[in-house]
Amino acid sequence: MGKLVKLVIKDKIAEVTIDNPPVNALNAQVIQELDETVEVIKGEEVGAVIITGAGEKAFVAGADISQFPSLNSDTGKKMVQTGQRVFDKIAALPIPVIGAIDGFALGGGCELALVCDIRIASEKARLGLPEVNLAIIPGYGGTQRLARLIGEGKAKELIFTADAVMAQEALQIGLVERVVPAGETVNAAREMAQKILSKGPLAIRKAKQAIDEGLKGSLRDGLDIEADLVGELFATEDLKEGATAFLKKRKPNYKGL
């Protein structure tokens, strides 16, 4: 794909690898290549996405701090708005996005992890938002997505103190969904993606849509969205195939129709 962001699509799984040594920092080129990569994925027949970082040192260890002194109020705002736009595009993909986190996921790297639907961390992973150490705050969605994921109080603690958490604590507070041995995150993500791909593809898309859209409003709003989407699924061939396969005790053959 790009020089710093690699894309491999195999068996309907898109693997996106950020490869920007030594710590896979999110500079302007990485952000641009991520944007381009998402556009490619949107045009392919893909059922799941895995995002990871090259090597075992870092998933993504933050933004490129060397650019900060040259930024002013306007250029700094434009920089974070660009990052937010690209991260929003990743989050808006209608298919599951799995983060395979090995090593450091700090600052922008933690924010990229937050964009994923599911996060799998290695036992040596370390996640945090240390921006206040540099007299700045998270700008790629960290103040918003972290609070929504783990709760307001814990999010404020991590952001105000700039403390990073190890994988097991991240699991306990709901920052990641699974912890695996070092070096096994991508394999674990592939296994999960393959399991997801064995399910009804339209149902997976509608489930993600129901959760994401439902969380934006009240419980009643969410229930209405859920009912609408269930109704849409009852009109699909996949629903009939799934029910028939269950009753006949055979494996379903879903076609996404």
C-alpha atoms as a PDB file:
ATOM      1  CA  MET A   1       0.000   0.000   0.000  1.00  0.00           C
ATOM      2  CA  GLY A   2       2.091   2.887   1.284  1.00  0.00           C
ATOM      3  CA  LYS A   3       5.634   3.249   2.541  1.00  0.00           C
ATOM      4  CA  LEU A   4       4.694   3.463   6.214  1.00  0.00           C
ATOM      5  CA  VAL A   5       1.269   1.777   6.257  1.00  0.00           C
ATOM      6  CA  LYS A   6       1.099  -1.731   4.801  1.00  0.00           C
ATOM      7  CA  LEU A   7      -2.121  -3.412   3.707  1.00  0.00           C
ATOM      8  CA  VAL A   8      -2.592  -7.124   3.085  1.00  0.00           C
ATOM      9  CA  ILE A   9      -6.019  -8.542   2.240  1.00  0.00           C
ATOM     10  CA  LYS A  10      -6.409 -12.294   2.551  1.00  0.00           C
ATOM     11  CA  ASP A  11      -9.493 -14.458   3.116  1.00  0.00           C
ATOM     12  CA  LYS A  12     -11.649 -11.322   3.468  1.00  0.00           C
ATOM     13  CA  ILE A  13      -9.489 -10.012   6.317  1.00  0.00           C
ATOM     14  CA  ALA A  14      -7.660  -6.709   5.824  1.00  0.00           C
ATOM     15  CA  GLU A  15      -4.465  -6.441   7.882  1.00  0.00           C
ATOM     16  CA  VAL A  16      -3.180  -2.900   8.310  1.00  0.00           C
ATOM     17  CA  THR A  17       0.354  -2.590   9.699  1.00  0.00           C
ATOM     18  CA  ILE A  18       1.905   0.734  10.693  1.00  0.00           C
ATOM     19  CA  ASP A  19       5.620   0.428   9.987  1.00  0.00           C
ATOM     20  CA  ASN A  20       7.365   3.657  10.930  1.00  0.00           C
ATOM     21  CA  PRO A  21      10.494   2.768  12.943  1.00  0.00           C
ATOM     22  CA  PRO A  22      11.528   3.009  15.658  1.00  0.00           C
ATOM     23  CA  VAL A  23       8.164   3.403  17.444  1.00  0.00           C
ATOM     24  CA  ASN A  24       5.599   3.670  14.602  1.00  0.00           C
ATOM     25  CA  ALA A  25       4.899   7.333  15.370  1.00  0.00           C
ATOM     26  CA  LEU A  26       1.836   8.942  13.816  1.00  0.00           C
ATOM     27  CA  ASN A  27       3.374  11.618  11.633  1.00  0.00           C
ATOM     28  CA  ALA A  28       1.549  13.398   8.811  1.00  0.00           C
ATOM     29  CA  GLN A  29       2.564  10.775   6.265  1.00  0.00           C
ATOM     30  CA  VAL A  30       1.243   7.909   8.399  1.00  0.00           C
ATOM     31  CA  ILE A  31      -2.069   9.723   8.866  1.00  0.00           C
ATOM     32  CA  GLN A  32      -2.330  10.325   5.116  1.00  0.00           C
ATOM     33  CA  GLU A  33      -1.505   6.704   4.297  1.00  0.00           C
ATOM     34  CA  LEU A  34      -4.040   5.490   6.869  1.00  0.00           C
ATOM     35  CA  ASP A  35      -6.626   7.652   5.124  1.00  0.00           C
ATOM     36  CA  GLU A  36      -5.723   6.162   1.739  1.00  0.00           C
ATOM     37  CA  THR A  37      -5.729   2.643   3.179  1.00  0.00           C
ATOM     38  CA  VAL A  38      -9.243   3.023   4.551  1.00  0.00           C
ATOM     39  CA  GLU A  39     -10.429   4.100   1.099  1.00  0.00           C
ATOM     40  CA  VAL A  40      -8.911   0.969  -0.437  1.00  0.00           C
ATOM     41  CA  ILE A  41     -10.542  -1.265   2.194  1.00  0.00           C
ATOM     42  CA  LYS A  42     -13.932   0.335   1.536  1.00  0.00           C
ATOM     43  CA  GLY A  43     -13.670  -0.780  -2.090  1.00  0.00           C
ATOM     44  CA  GLU A  44     -12.761  -4.393  -1.327  1.00  0.00           C
ATOM     45  CA  GLU A  45     -14.800  -7.403  -0.268  1.00  0.00           C
ATOM     46  CA  VAL A  46     -13.644  -7.436   3.329  1.00  0.00           C
ATOM     47  CA  GLY A  47     -15.417  -8.718   6.437  1.00  0.00           C
ATOM     48  CA  ALA A  48     -13.002  -7.618   9.168  1.00  0.00           C
ATOM     49  CA  VAL A  49      -9.998  -5.350   9.669  1.00  0.00           C
ATOM     50  CA  ILE A  50      -6.948  -5.859  11.879  1.00  0.00           C
ATOM     51  CA  ILE A  51      -4.776  -2.875  12.806  1.00  0.00           C
ATOM     52  CA  THR A  52      -1.346  -3.457  14.297  1.00  0.00           C
ATOM     53  CA  GLY A  53       2.154  -2.020  14.496  1.00  0.00           C
ATOM     54  CA  ALA A  54       5.298  -3.539  13.041  1.00  0.00           C
ATOM     55  CA  GLY A  55       7.654  -5.162  15.526  1.00  0.00           C
ATOM     56  CA  GLU A  56       7.083  -5.888  19.204  1.00  0.00           C
ATOM     57  CA  LYS A  57       8.323  -2.583  20.658  1.00  0.00           C
ATOM     58  CA  ALA A  58       5.295  -0.468  19.872  1.00  0.00           C
ATOM     59  CA  PHE A  59       1.806  -0.649  18.465  1.00  0.00           C
ATOM     60  CA  VAL A  60       1.994   3.101  17.932  1.00  0.00           C
ATOM     61  CA  ALA A  61       3.884   5.193  20.468  1.00  0.00           C
ATOM     62  CA  GLY A  62       2.182   8.526  19.905  1.00  0.00           C
ATOM     63  CA  ALA A  63       2.462  11.440  17.542  1.00  0.00           C
ATOM     64  CA  ASP A  64       5.615  12.907  16.031  1.00  0.00           C
ATOM     65  CA  ILE A  65       6.511  15.355  18.813  1.00  0.00           C
ATOM     66  CA  SER A  66       9.288  16.959  16.760  1.00  0.00           C
ATOM     67  CA  GLN A  67       6.636  18.848  14.775  1.00  0.00           C
ATOM     68  CA  PHE A  68       5.006  20.434  17.848  1.00  0.00           C
ATOM     69  CA  PRO A  69       7.288  23.492  18.336  1.00  0.00           C
ATOM     70  CA  SER A  70       6.571  24.699  14.801  1.00  0.00           C
ATOM     71  CA  LEU A  71       2.802  24.599  15.202  1.00  0.00           C
ATOM     72  CA  ASN A  72       0.570  27.487  16.233  1.00  0.00           C
ATOM     73  CA  SER A  73      -3.072  27.664  17.272  1.00  0.00           C
ATOM     74  CA  ASP A  74      -4.397  27.393  13.730  1.00  0.00           C
ATOM     75  CA  THR A  75      -1.997  24.777  12.382  1.00  0.00           C
ATOM     76  CA  GLY A  76      -2.265  22.722  15.575  1.00  0.00           C
ATOM     77  CA  LYS A  77      -6.047  22.679  15.336  1.00  0.00           C
ATOM     78  CA  LYS A  78      -5.900  21.698  11.660  1.00  0.00           C
ATOM     79  CA  MET A  79      -3.486  18.873  12.471  1.00  0.00           C
ATOM     80  CA  VAL A  80      -5.776  17.314  15.078  1.00  0.00           C
ATOM     81  CA  GLN A  81      -8.861  17.820  12.914  1.00  0.00           C
ATOM     82  CA  THR A  82      -7.141  15.866  10.145  1.00  0.00           C
ATOM     83  CA  GLY A  83      -6.315  13.069  12.561  1.00  0.00           C
ATOM     84  CA  GLN A  84      -9.859  13.076  13.937  1.00  0.00           C
ATOM     85  CA  ARG A  85     -11.292  12.851  10.419  1.00  0.00           C
ATOM     86  CA  VAL A  86      -9.150   9.839   9.539  1.00  0.00           C
ATOM     87  CA  PHE A  87      -9.837   8.104  12.855  1.00  0.00           C
ATOM     88  CA  ASP A  88     -13.555   8.745  12.395  1.00  0.00           C
ATOM     89  CA  LYS A  89     -13.340   7.052   8.979  1.00  0.00           C
ATOM     90  CA  ILE A  90     -11.814   3.978  10.588  1.00  0.00           C
ATOM     91  CA  ALA A  91     -14.500   3.911  13.275  1.00  0.00           C
ATOM     92  CA  ALA A  92     -17.209   4.353  10.627  1.00  0.00           C
ATOM     93  CA  LEU A  93     -16.201   1.230   8.699  1.00  0.00           C
ATOM     94  CA  PRO A  94     -19.318  -0.981   8.744  1.00  0.00           C
ATOM     95  CA  ILE A  95     -17.272  -4.076   9.589  1.00  0.00           C
ATOM     96  CA  PRO A  96     -15.456  -5.037  12.814  1.00  0.00           C
ATOM     97  CA  VAL A  97     -12.061  -3.429  13.381  1.00  0.00           C
ATOM     98  CA  ILE A  98      -9.739  -5.327  15.727  1.00  0.00           C
ATOM     99  CA  GLY A  99      -6.667  -3.711  17.280  1.00  0.00           C
ATOM    100  CA  ALA A 100      -3.703  -6.051  17.822  1.00  0.00           C
ATOM    101  CA  ILE A 101      -1.615  -4.193  20.400  1.00  0.00           C
ATOM    102  CA  ASP A 102       1.918  -5.318  21.167  1.00  0.00           C
ATOM    103  CA  GLY A 103       4.212  -2.994  23.098  1.00  0.00           C
ATOM    104  CA  PHE A 104       3.512   0.701  23.647  1.00  0.00           C
ATOM    105  CA  ALA A 105       0.193   2.285  22.657  1.00  0.00           C
ATOM    106  CA  LEU A 106       0.653   5.820  23.902  1.00  0.00           C
ATOM    107  CA  GLY A 107      -0.920   9.133  22.946  1.00  0.00           C
ATOM    108  CA  GLY A 108      -2.098   8.893  19.367  1.00  0.00           C
ATOM    109  CA  GLY A 109      -1.433   5.163  19.495  1.00  0.00           C
ATOM    110  CA  CYS A 110      -3.847   4.714  22.371  1.00  0.00           C
ATOM    111  CA  GLU A 111      -6.336   6.892  20.497  1.00  0.00           C
ATOM    112  CA  LEU A 112      -5.983   4.649  17.439  1.00  0.00           C
ATOM    113  CA  ALA A 113      -6.660   1.649  19.668  1.00  0.00           C
ATOM    114  CA  LEU A 114      -9.779   3.394  20.988  1.00  0.00           C
ATOM    115  CA  VAL A 115     -11.096   3.684  17.424  1.00  0.00           C
ATOM    116  CA  CYS A 116     -11.085  -0.119  17.097  1.00  0.00           C
ATOM    117  CA  ASP A 117     -14.213  -2.091  17.961  1.00  0.00           C
ATOM    118  CA  ILE A 118     -12.225  -4.731  19.860  1.00  0.00           C
ATOM    119  CA  ARG A 119      -8.720  -4.504  21.336  1.00  0.00           C
ATOM    120  CA  ILE A 120      -6.427  -7.492  21.893  1.00  0.00           C
ATOM    121  CA  ALA A 121      -3.276  -6.651  23.850  1.00  0.00           C
ATOM    122  CA  SER A 122      -0.134  -8.628  24.516  1.00  0.00           C
ATOM    123  CA  GLU A 123       0.806  -9.177  28.131  1.00  0.00           C
ATOM    124  CA  LYS A 124       3.618  -6.623  27.772  1.00  0.00           C
ATOM    125  CA  ALA A 125       1.456  -3.936  26.163  1.00  0.00           C
ATOM    126  CA  ARG A 126       1.263  -0.554  27.819  1.00  0.00           C
ATOM    127  CA  LEU A 127      -1.495   1.951  27.077  1.00  0.00           C
ATOM    128  CA  GLY A 128      -1.937   5.561  28.062  1.00  0.00           C
ATOM    129  CA  LEU A 129      -2.529   9.172  27.132  1.00  0.00           C
ATOM    130  CA  PRO A 130       0.530  11.094  28.407  1.00  0.00           C
ATOM    131  CA  GLU A 131      -0.151  14.345  26.519  1.00  0.00           C
ATOM    132  CA  VAL A 132      -0.395  16.558  29.615  1.00  0.00           C
ATOM    133  CA  ASN A 133       3.296  15.828  30.220  1.00  0.00           C
ATOM    134  CA  LEU A 134       3.867  18.041  27.160  1.00  0.00           C
ATOM    135  CA  ALA A 135       1.298  20.662  28.231  1.00  0.00           C
ATOM    136  CA  ILE A 136      -1.191  19.496  25.600  1.00  0.00           C
ATOM    137  CA  ILE A 137      -4.261  17.240  25.698  1.00  0.00           C
ATOM    138  CA  PRO A 138      -5.248  14.234  23.575  1.00  0.00           C
ATOM    139  CA  GLY A 139      -6.422  15.543  20.209  1.00  0.00           C
ATOM    140  CA  TYR A 140      -7.336  12.533  18.100  1.00  0.00           C
ATOM    141  CA  GLY A 141     -10.462  11.730  20.102  1.00  0.00           C
ATOM    142  CA  GLY A 142      -8.874  10.528  23.335  1.00  0.00           C
ATOM    143  CA  THR A 143     -10.787  12.788  25.705  1.00  0.00           C
ATOM    144  CA  GLN A 144     -14.066  11.641  24.170  1.00  0.00           C
ATOM    145  CA  ARG A 145     -13.609   7.964  23.315  1.00  0.00           C
ATOM    146  CA  LEU A 146     -11.755   6.978  26.494  1.00  0.00           C
ATOM    147  CA  ALA A 147     -14.482   8.398  28.746  1.00  0.00           C
ATOM    148  CA  ARG A 148     -17.164   6.642  26.728  1.00  0.00           C
ATOM    149  CA  LEU A 149     -15.288   3.352  26.924  1.00  0.00           C
ATOM    150  CA  ILE A 150     -14.098   3.132  30.535  1.00  0.00           C
ATOM    151  CA  GLY A 151     -16.148   5.817  32.290  1.00  0.00           C
ATOM    152  CA  GLU A 152     -15.617   9.469  33.098  1.00  0.00           C
ATOM    153  CA  GLY A 153     -13.765   9.097  36.384  1.00  0.00           C
ATOM    154  CA  LYS A 154     -11.165   6.574  35.274  1.00  0.00           C
ATOM    155  CA  ALA A 155     -10.626   8.422  32.004  1.00  0.00           C
ATOM    156  CA  LYS A 156      -9.974  11.652  33.888  1.00  0.00           C
ATOM    157  CA  GLU A 157      -7.545   9.876  36.207  1.00  0.00           C
ATOM    158  CA  LEU A 158      -5.510   8.464  33.327  1.00  0.00           C
ATOM    159  CA  ILE A 159      -5.519  11.699  31.329  1.00  0.00           C
ATOM    160  CA  PHE A 160      -4.844  14.039  34.290  1.00  0.00           C
ATOM    161  CA  THR A 161      -1.997  11.908  35.705  1.00  0.00           C
ATOM    162  CA  ALA A 162      -0.618  10.784  32.316  1.00  0.00           C
ATOM    163  CA  ASP A 163      -0.231   7.318  33.846  1.00  0.00           C
ATOM    164  CA  ALA A 164       0.020   4.378  31.476  1.00  0.00           C
ATOM    165  CA  VAL A 165      -1.484   1.014  32.377  1.00  0.00           C
ATOM    166  CA  MET A 166      -0.155  -2.448  31.694  1.00  0.00           C
ATOM    167  CA  ALA A 167      -2.239  -4.982  29.809  1.00  0.00           C
ATOM    168  CA  GLN A 168      -3.835  -6.713  32.804  1.00  0.00           C
ATOM    169  CA  GLU A 169      -4.990  -3.444  34.334  1.00  0.00           C
ATOM    170  CA  ALA A 170      -6.213  -2.319  30.912  1.00  0.00           C
ATOM    171  CA  LEU A 171      -8.267  -5.518  30.816  1.00  0.00           C
ATOM    172  CA  GLN A 172      -9.674  -4.908  34.292  1.00  0.00           C
ATOM    173  CA  ILE A 173     -10.850  -1.368  33.505  1.00  0.00           C
ATOM    174  CA  GLY A 174     -12.285  -2.303  30.103  1.00  0.00           C
ATOM    175  CA  LEU A 175      -9.668  -0.582  27.977  1.00  0.00           C
ATOM    176  CA  VAL A 176      -8.897  -3.864  26.185  1.00  0.00           C
ATOM    177  CA  GLU A 177     -11.046  -6.952  25.720  1.00  0.00           C
ATOM    178  CA  ARG A 178      -8.393  -9.677  25.761  1.00  0.00           C
ATOM    179  CA  VAL A 179      -4.762 -10.222  26.830  1.00  0.00           C
ATOM    180  CA  VAL A 180      -2.564 -12.796  25.080  1.00  0.00           C
ATOM    181  CA  PRO A 181       1.127 -13.764  25.264  1.00  0.00           C
ATOM    182  CA  ALA A 182       3.661 -11.403  23.704  1.00  0.00           C
ATOM    183  CA  GLY A 183       3.921 -11.818  19.957  1.00  0.00           C
ATOM    184  CA  GLU A 184       0.518 -13.519  19.685  1.00  0.00           C
ATOM    185  CA  THR A 185      -1.741 -10.502  19.211  1.00  0.00           C
ATOM    186  CA  VAL A 186      -2.032 -10.704  15.414  1.00  0.00           C
ATOM    187  CA  ASN A 187      -2.664 -14.457  15.488  1.00  0.00           C
ATOM    188  CA  ALA A 188      -5.340 -13.944  18.130  1.00  0.00           C
ATOM    189  CA  ALA A 189      -6.876 -11.157  16.058  1.00  0.00           C
ATOM    190  CA  ARG A 190      -6.893 -13.396  12.977  1.00  0.00           C
ATOM    191  CA  GLU A 191      -8.619 -16.178  14.889  1.00  0.00           C
ATOM    192  CA  MET A 192     -11.248 -13.745  16.134  1.00  0.00           C
ATOM    193  CA  ALA A 193     -11.723 -12.271  12.656  1.00  0.00           C
ATOM    194  CA  GLN A 194     -12.160 -15.748  11.160  1.00  0.00           C
ATOM    195  CA  LYS A 195     -14.748 -16.577  13.809  1.00  0.00           C
ATOM    196  CA  ILE A 196     -16.625 -13.359  13.024  1.00  0.00           C
ATOM    197  CA  LEU A 197     -16.481 -14.145   9.297  1.00  0.00           C
ATOM    198  CA  SER A 198     -18.222 -17.470   9.924  1.00  0.00           C
ATOM    199  CA  LYS A 199     -21.331 -15.603  11.076  1.00  0.00           C
ATOM    200  CA  GLY A 200     -23.994 -13.889   8.993  1.00  0.00           C
ATOM    201  CA  PRO A 201     -22.140 -10.925   7.420  1.00  0.00           C
ATOM    202  CA  LEU A 202     -25.206  -8.704   7.228  1.00  0.00           C
ATOM    203  CA  ALA A 203     -25.994  -9.438  10.872  1.00  0.00           C
ATOM    204  CA  ILE A 204     -22.464  -8.448  11.914  1.00  0.00           C
ATOM    205  CA  ARG A 205     -22.793  -5.141  10.070  1.00  0.00           C
ATOM    206  CA  LYS A 206     -26.226  -4.456  11.542  1.00  0.00           C
ATOM    207  CA  ALA A 207     -25.020  -5.358  15.046  1.00  0.00           C
ATOM    208  CA  LYS A 208     -22.182  -2.838  14.792  1.00  0.00           C
ATOM    209  CA  GLN A 209     -24.579  -0.233  13.425  1.00  0.00           C
ATOM    210  CA  ALA A 210     -27.089  -0.855  16.214  1.00  0.00           C
ATOM    211  CA  ILE A 211     -24.472  -0.528  18.954  1.00  0.00           C
ATOM    212  CA  ASP A 212     -22.707   2.519  17.504  1.00  0.00           C
ATOM    213  CA  GLU A 213     -25.850   4.455  16.608  1.00  0.00           C
ATOM    214  CA  GLY A 214     -27.713   3.376  19.723  1.00  0.00           C
ATOM    215  CA  LEU A 215     -25.044   4.713  22.049  1.00  0.00           C
ATOM    216  CA  LYS A 216     -25.475   8.193  20.584  1.00  0.00           C
ATOM    217  CA  GLY A 217     -28.986   8.561  22.002  1.00  0.00           C
ATOM    218  CA  SER A 218     -31.279   7.321  24.737  1.00  0.00           C
ATOM    219  CA  LEU A 219     -32.048   3.690  25.482  1.00  0.00           C
ATOM    220  CA  ARG A 220     -35.428   4.144  23.767  1.00  0.00           C
ATOM    221  CA  ASP A 221     -33.694   5.537  20.678  1.00  0.00           C
ATOM    222  CA  GLY A 222     -31.367   2.546  20.671  1.00  0.00           C
ATOM    223  CA  LEU A 223     -34.204   0.064  20.996  1.00  0.00           C
ATOM    224  CA  ASP A 224     -35.994   1.677  18.046  1.00  0.00           C
ATOM    225  CA  ILE A 225     -32.829   1.427  15.947  1.00  0.00           C
ATOM    226  CA  GLU A 226     -32.415  -2.203  16.975  1.00  0.00           C
ATOM    227  CA  ALA A 227     -36.006  -3.047  16.003  1.00  0.00           C
ATOM    228  CA  ASP A 228     -35.622  -1.373  12.611  1.00  0.00           C
ATOM    229  CA  LEU A 229     -32.440  -3.309  11.849  1.00  0.00           C
ATOM    230  CA  VAL A 230     -33.910  -6.622  12.974  1.00  0.00           C
ATOM    231  CA  GLY A 231     -36.819  -5.946  10.641  1.00  0.00           C
ATOM    232  CA  GLU A 232     -34.414  -5.352   7.765  1.00  0.00           C
ATOM    233  CA  LEU A 233     -32.623  -8.631   8.477  1.00  0.00           C
ATOM    234  CA  PHE A 234     -35.864 -10.619   8.409  1.00  0.00           C
ATOM    235  CA  ALA A 235     -36.151  -9.670   4.745  1.00  0.00           C
ATOM    236  CA  THR A 236     -32.766 -11.187   3.824  1.00  0.00           C
ATOM    237  CA  GLU A 237     -31.882 -14.520   2.268  1.00  0.00           C
ATOM    238  CA  ASP A 238     -29.175 -14.989   4.902  1.00  0.00           C
ATOM    239  CA  LEU A 239     -31.769 -14.967   7.687  1.00  0.00           C
ATOM    240  CA  LYS A 240     -33.741 -17.708   5.985  1.00  0.00           C
ATOM    241  CA  GLU A 241     -30.528 -19.674   5.345  1.00  0.00           C
ATOM    242  CA  GLY A 242     -29.449 -19.329   8.970  1.00  0.00           C
ATOM    243  CA  ALA A 243     -32.765 -20.535  10.335  1.00  0.00           C
ATOM    244  CA  THR A 244     -32.966 -23.404   7.848  1.00  0.00           C
ATOM    245  CA  ALA A 245     -29.398 -24.527   8.574  1.00  0.00           C
ATOM    246  CA  PHE A 246     -30.093 -24.456  12.310  1.00  0.00           C
ATOM    247  CA  LEU A 247     -33.239 -26.542  11.982  1.00  0.00           C
ATOM    248  CA  LYS A 248     -31.522 -29.031   9.669  1.00  0.00           C
ATOM    249  CA  LYS A 249     -28.419 -29.121  11.875  1.00  0.00           C
ATOM    250  CA  ARG A 250     -26.012 -28.158   9.092  1.00  0.00           C
ATOM    251  CA  LYS A 251     -23.499 -25.388   8.564  1.00  0.00           C
ATOM    252  CA  PRO A 252     -25.062 -22.263   7.001  1.00  0.00           C
ATOM    253  CA  ASN A 253     -23.893 -20.949   3.647  1.00  0.00           C
ATOM    254  CA  TYR A 254     -24.207 -17.202   3.949  1.00  0.00           C
ATOM    255  CA  LYS A 255     -24.005 -15.044   0.826  1.00  0.00           C
ATOM    256  CA  GLY A 256     -24.501 -11.585   2.279  1.00  0.00           C
ATOM    257  CA  LEU A 257     -27.906 -11.261   0.623  1.00  0.00           C
END
